[in-house]
Amino acid sequence: MTRNSTTTHSSSLLHNSDNTTYTYNEMQVKIITVFDERIALVEDENGEVFEVSKDALR
């Protein structure tokens, strides 16, 4: 049995079901997903989705 490389990659993807808001560049954002525990995919108050460093969230 061989392991599929996409399965290995997707295991590093962490889903965040937490509804906590954070501040990024003086705007409120919600974390949608965290990649490799360093990069967060976030959504701002206007519904715009973008990537930020997780360390930049307050």
Protein backbone atom coordinates (compact mmCIF):
# COMPACT_ATOMS: atom_id res chain seq x y z
CA MET A 1 0.00 0.00 0.00
CA THR A 2 1.42 3.38 -1.00
CA ARG A 3 0.67 6.63 0.66
CA ASN A 4 -0.63 9.44 -1.53
CA SER A 5 1.41 12.66 -1.24
CA THR A 6 -1.75 14.80 -1.23
CA THR A 7 -2.91 12.97 1.86
CA THR A 8 0.37 13.80 3.58
CA HIS A 9 0.08 17.47 2.59
CA SER A 10 -3.52 17.77 3.72
CA SER A 11 -2.59 16.42 7.15
CA SER A 12 -0.66 19.67 7.74
CA LEU A 13 -3.87 21.65 7.18
CA LEU A 14 -5.59 22.49 10.44
CA HIS A 15 -9.22 23.61 10.52
CA ASN A 16 -10.23 26.10 13.13
CA SER A 17 -13.85 25.94 14.22
CA ASP A 18 -13.26 28.70 16.76
CA ASN A 19 -15.40 31.83 16.25
CA THR A 20 -12.96 34.15 18.04
CA THR A 21 -12.11 37.40 16.28
CA TYR A 22 -8.61 38.84 16.10
CA THR A 23 -7.17 42.21 15.15
CA TYR A 24 -4.98 42.52 12.07
CA ASN A 25 -3.90 45.98 10.83
CA GLU A 26 -6.58 47.62 13.00
CA MET A 27 -9.43 45.54 11.54
CA GLN A 28 -11.37 42.64 13.01
CA VAL A 29 -10.77 39.28 11.27
CA LYS A 30 -11.86 35.68 11.86
CA ILE A 31 -9.57 32.74 11.24
CA ILE A 32 -10.95 30.36 8.64
CA THR A 33 -8.02 27.94 8.41
CA VAL A 34 -4.42 27.69 9.64
CA PHE A 35 -1.71 26.20 7.40
CA ASP A 36 1.38 24.62 9.01
CA GLU A 37 0.56 26.46 12.26
CA ARG A 38 2.11 29.68 10.81
CA ILE A 39 -0.10 31.05 8.04
CA ALA A 40 -3.74 31.88 8.70
CA LEU A 41 -6.44 32.26 6.09
CA VAL A 42 -8.69 34.97 7.54
CA GLU A 43 -11.88 36.82 6.63
CA ASP A 44 -12.32 40.50 7.43
CA GLU A 45 -15.53 42.39 8.29
CA ASN A 46 -16.24 43.01 4.58
CA GLY A 47 -16.00 39.31 3.68
CA GLU A 48 -12.58 39.62 2.04
CA VAL A 49 -10.45 36.49 2.51
CA PHE A 50 -6.63 36.66 2.61
CA GLU A 51 -3.54 35.04 4.14
CA VAL A 52 -1.59 36.51 7.04
CA SER A 53 1.15 35.37 9.37
CA LYS A 54 -0.53 33.87 12.43
CA ASP A 55 1.95 35.80 14.58
CA ALA A 56 0.53 39.08 13.20
CA LEU A 57 -2.90 38.43 14.72
CA ARG A 58 -3.69 40.07 18.05
